[in-house]
């Protein structure tokens, strides 16, 4: 009995140490992302993230011979990089297996990048994971996000993507809904004399 309790105590201690180390690593990665120093982040990842289990926990799309599943919950590193506009860091994180479709309270990385007007990151995400464009709901949300913030080039980008989708061709009003992106922009007060181009970008009939 005492031997069993001792083994249990050792397992608990090990789990607590691993959890503490995991939290320390996660906090450090977030800090490096926020600073925008891609070189320092790459060095840290290459020297501190060696365990396959840790890699899989931090980067859900990291795949090795033994683990093929995708982790449902992981630190939203990519979402933060997309929000801050750090394209090189976003590219690095995806190389390590960050999930471009990870949903958080603020949305997916693609939505966050669009909302904040980071077009180069939007292009990167689409290039790396083109299946993100298969969802009408996702494309429509991105279009509305761009319109609400007055990001004209991204409104054009998402408008073109939406118009090429079969669902839009069959029933554009159903896909766009009762409130179109132009109205969204108006409600957000992004249609001003300083930003008239968006008025000519979305034409729904």
Protein backbone atom coordinates (compact mmCIF):
# COMPACT_ATOMS: atom_id res chain seq x y z
CA UNK A 1 0.00 0.00 0.00
CA UNK A 2 2.78 2.41 0.94
CA UNK A 3 4.62 1.58 -2.28
CA UNK A 4 1.51 2.38 -4.32
CA UNK A 5 1.05 5.68 -2.52
CA UNK A 6 4.69 6.52 -3.12
CA UNK A 7 4.38 5.82 -6.86
CA UNK A 8 1.20 7.88 -6.96
CA UNK A 9 2.96 10.76 -5.20
CA UNK A 10 5.83 10.60 -7.69
CA UNK A 11 3.40 10.65 -10.61
CA UNK A 12 1.57 13.65 -9.16
CA UNK A 13 4.84 15.51 -8.64
CA UNK A 14 5.96 14.74 -12.19
CA UNK A 15 2.63 15.89 -13.64
CA UNK A 16 2.84 19.14 -11.67
CA UNK A 17 6.41 19.76 -12.85
CA UNK A 18 5.45 19.04 -16.48
CA UNK A 19 2.43 21.36 -16.22
CA UNK A 20 4.59 24.13 -14.74
CA UNK A 21 7.18 23.71 -17.50
CA UNK A 22 4.44 23.71 -20.13
CA UNK A 23 3.01 26.95 -18.73
CA UNK A 24 6.48 28.55 -18.66
CA UNK A 25 7.14 27.58 -22.27
CA UNK A 26 3.73 28.82 -23.38
CA UNK A 27 4.20 32.16 -21.62
CA UNK A 28 7.64 32.59 -23.18
CA UNK A 29 6.34 31.88 -26.68
CA UNK A 30 3.52 34.40 -26.28
CA UNK A 31 6.04 37.00 -25.12
CA UNK A 32 8.29 36.42 -28.12
CA UNK A 33 5.33 36.63 -30.49
CA UNK A 34 4.29 39.95 -28.98
CA UNK A 35 7.79 41.38 -29.37
CA UNK A 36 7.78 40.46 -33.06
CA UNK A 37 11.30 39.00 -32.91
CA UNK A 38 11.04 36.07 -35.33
CA UNK A 39 14.73 35.20 -35.00
CA UNK A 40 14.56 34.87 -31.24
CA UNK A 41 11.31 32.89 -31.47
CA UNK A 42 12.78 30.50 -34.03
CA UNK A 43 15.83 29.95 -31.83
CA UNK A 44 13.67 29.32 -28.75
CA UNK A 45 11.43 26.85 -30.55
CA UNK A 46 14.37 24.95 -32.01
CA UNK A 47 16.18 24.68 -28.69
CA UNK A 48 13.34 24.25 -26.18
CA UNK A 49 10.58 22.40 -28.04
CA UNK A 50 12.08 18.97 -28.63
CA UNK A 51 9.59 16.57 -27.06
CA UNK A 52 7.09 15.19 -29.58
CA UNK A 53 4.35 15.31 -26.94
CA UNK A 54 5.07 18.96 -26.17
CA UNK A 55 5.14 19.82 -29.87
CA UNK A 56 1.79 18.16 -30.36
CA UNK A 57 0.31 19.96 -27.35
CA UNK A 58 1.54 23.37 -28.46
CA UNK A 59 1.07 22.93 -32.19
CA UNK A 60 -1.98 20.77 -32.96
CA UNK A 61 -1.09 20.08 -36.59
CA UNK A 62 2.36 18.76 -35.70
CA UNK A 63 2.41 15.15 -36.88
CA UNK A 64 4.85 12.37 -36.11
CA UNK A 65 4.87 8.62 -36.57
CA UNK A 66 2.94 7.82 -33.43
CA UNK A 67 0.46 10.68 -33.06
CA UNK A 68 -1.86 11.43 -35.95
CA UNK A 69 -4.74 13.17 -34.19
CA UNK A 70 -5.25 16.92 -34.07
CA UNK A 71 -5.34 18.48 -30.62
CA UNK A 72 -8.62 20.27 -30.03
CA UNK A 73 -7.17 22.82 -27.65
CA UNK A 74 -3.81 24.54 -27.92
CA UNK A 75 -2.43 27.98 -27.08
CA UNK A 76 -3.64 30.42 -29.77
CA UNK A 77 -0.15 31.47 -30.84
CA UNK A 78 -1.12 31.99 -34.48
CA UNK A 79 -4.18 34.05 -33.58
CA UNK A 80 -2.01 36.48 -31.61
CA UNK A 81 0.53 36.78 -34.41
CA UNK A 82 -2.28 37.47 -36.90
CA UNK A 83 -3.83 40.09 -34.65
CA UNK A 84 -0.51 41.92 -34.24
CA UNK A 85 0.39 41.66 -37.92
CA UNK A 86 3.59 39.63 -37.55
CA UNK A 87 3.65 37.81 -40.89
CA UNK A 88 7.06 36.14 -40.52
CA UNK A 89 6.08 34.82 -37.11
CA UNK A 90 2.77 33.54 -38.47
CA UNK A 91 4.65 31.67 -41.21
CA UNK A 92 7.06 30.19 -38.65
CA UNK A 93 4.26 29.06 -36.37
CA UNK A 94 2.50 27.31 -39.25
CA UNK A 95 5.74 25.53 -40.10
CA UNK A 96 5.71 24.15 -36.57
CA UNK A 97 2.08 23.07 -36.89
CA UNK A 98 -0.08 25.92 -35.60
CA UNK A 99 -3.66 25.48 -36.76
CA UNK A 100 -4.87 28.20 -39.21
CA UNK A 101 -8.47 27.19 -38.49
CA UNK A 102 -8.24 27.36 -34.68
CA UNK A 103 -11.30 29.07 -33.25
CA UNK A 104 -10.98 31.39 -30.25
CA UNK A 105 -13.21 34.02 -28.66
CA UNK A 106 -11.83 36.50 -31.21
CA UNK A 107 -12.34 34.16 -34.15
CA UNK A 108 -10.02 32.19 -36.42
CA UNK A 109 -6.58 33.48 -37.43
CA UNK A 110 -7.99 34.32 -40.86
CA UNK A 111 -10.83 36.35 -39.35
CA UNK A 112 -8.50 38.12 -36.91
CA UNK A 113 -6.03 39.00 -39.67
CA UNK A 114 -8.85 40.34 -41.84
CA UNK A 115 -10.41 42.34 -39.03
CA UNK A 116 -7.09 44.05 -38.33
CA UNK A 117 -6.32 44.71 -41.99
CA UNK A 118 -3.26 42.50 -42.32
CA UNK A 119 -3.64 41.56 -45.97
CA UNK A 120 -0.24 39.90 -46.33
CA UNK A 121 -1.13 37.49 -43.52
CA UNK A 122 -4.52 36.78 -45.08
CA UNK A 123 -2.74 35.89 -48.32
CA UNK A 124 -0.30 33.70 -46.41
CA UNK A 125 -3.04 31.78 -44.60
CA UNK A 126 -4.98 31.20 -47.81
CA UNK A 127 -1.86 30.01 -49.62
CA UNK A 128 -0.89 27.64 -46.82
CA UNK A 129 -4.40 26.30 -46.27
CA UNK A 130 -6.61 26.90 -49.36
CA UNK A 131 -9.38 24.74 -47.92
CA UNK A 132 -10.20 27.67 -45.64
CA UNK A 133 -11.92 29.16 -48.66
CA UNK A 134 -14.31 26.24 -49.04
CA UNK A 135 -16.63 27.54 -46.34
CA UNK A 136 -19.18 30.13 -47.43
CA UNK A 137 -19.78 31.04 -43.79
CA UNK A 138 -16.10 31.72 -43.18
CA UNK A 139 -15.67 33.79 -46.35
CA UNK A 140 -18.80 35.77 -45.60
CA UNK A 141 -17.67 36.49 -42.03
CA UNK A 142 -14.29 37.63 -43.31
CA UNK A 143 -15.96 39.94 -45.83
CA UNK A 144 -18.11 41.51 -43.15
CA UNK A 145 -15.07 41.92 -40.88
CA UNK A 146 -13.18 43.74 -43.62
CA UNK A 147 -16.16 45.97 -44.38
CA UNK A 148 -16.77 46.80 -40.73
CA UNK A 149 -13.21 48.13 -40.40
CA UNK A 150 -13.08 49.82 -43.81
CA UNK A 151 -10.29 47.65 -45.24
CA UNK A 152 -11.03 48.28 -48.91
CA UNK A 153 -8.47 45.93 -50.45
CA UNK A 154 -9.63 43.08 -48.25
CA UNK A 155 -13.26 43.83 -49.05
CA UNK A 156 -12.35 43.45 -52.72
CA UNK A 157 -10.42 40.27 -51.99
CA UNK A 158 -13.25 38.59 -50.10
CA UNK A 159 -15.91 39.88 -52.47
CA UNK A 160 -14.10 38.21 -55.37
CA UNK A 161 -13.72 34.98 -53.40
CA UNK A 162 -17.40 34.93 -52.48
CA UNK A 163 -18.60 35.63 -55.99
CA UNK A 164 -16.65 32.64 -57.31
CA UNK A 165 -18.39 30.21 -54.95
CA UNK A 166 -21.16 28.00 -56.36
CA UNK A 167 -23.49 28.81 -53.47
CA UNK A 168 -23.26 32.52 -54.23
CA UNK A 169 -23.93 31.99 -57.93
CA UNK A 170 -27.06 30.01 -57.14
CA UNK A 171 -28.51 32.48 -54.66
CA UNK A 172 -26.43 35.60 -53.92
CA UNK A 173 -29.04 37.21 -51.69
CA UNK A 174 -29.28 34.13 -49.49
CA UNK A 175 -25.51 33.97 -49.08
CA UNK A 176 -25.11 37.68 -48.41
CA UNK A 177 -28.19 37.97 -46.24
CA UNK A 178 -30.44 40.92 -45.53
CA UNK A 179 -27.56 43.10 -44.36
CA UNK A 180 -24.91 43.41 -47.05
CA UNK A 181 -21.27 44.39 -46.47
CA UNK A 182 -21.93 47.96 -47.55
CA UNK A 183 -24.54 48.33 -44.84
CA UNK A 184 -22.13 46.74 -42.39
CA UNK A 185 -19.53 49.35 -43.24
CA UNK A 186 -22.08 52.13 -42.92
CA UNK A 187 -23.11 50.93 -39.48
CA UNK A 188 -19.48 50.89 -38.43
CA UNK A 189 -19.12 54.44 -39.84
CA UNK A 190 -16.33 53.45 -42.15
CA UNK A 191 -17.99 55.03 -45.17
CA UNK A 192 -16.67 58.56 -45.02
CA UNK A 193 -15.22 61.11 -47.36
CA UNK A 194 -11.82 59.66 -46.47
CA UNK A 195 -12.81 56.17 -47.53
CA UNK A 196 -15.30 56.32 -50.43
CA UNK A 197 -13.79 53.41 -52.38
CA UNK A 198 -15.56 50.79 -50.34
CA UNK A 199 -18.87 52.03 -51.70
CA UNK A 200 -17.85 50.90 -55.17
CA UNK A 201 -16.39 47.59 -54.07
CA UNK A 202 -19.51 45.64 -53.09
CA UNK A 203 -22.38 45.50 -55.56
CA UNK A 204 -25.17 43.09 -54.65
CA UNK A 205 -28.17 42.78 -56.92
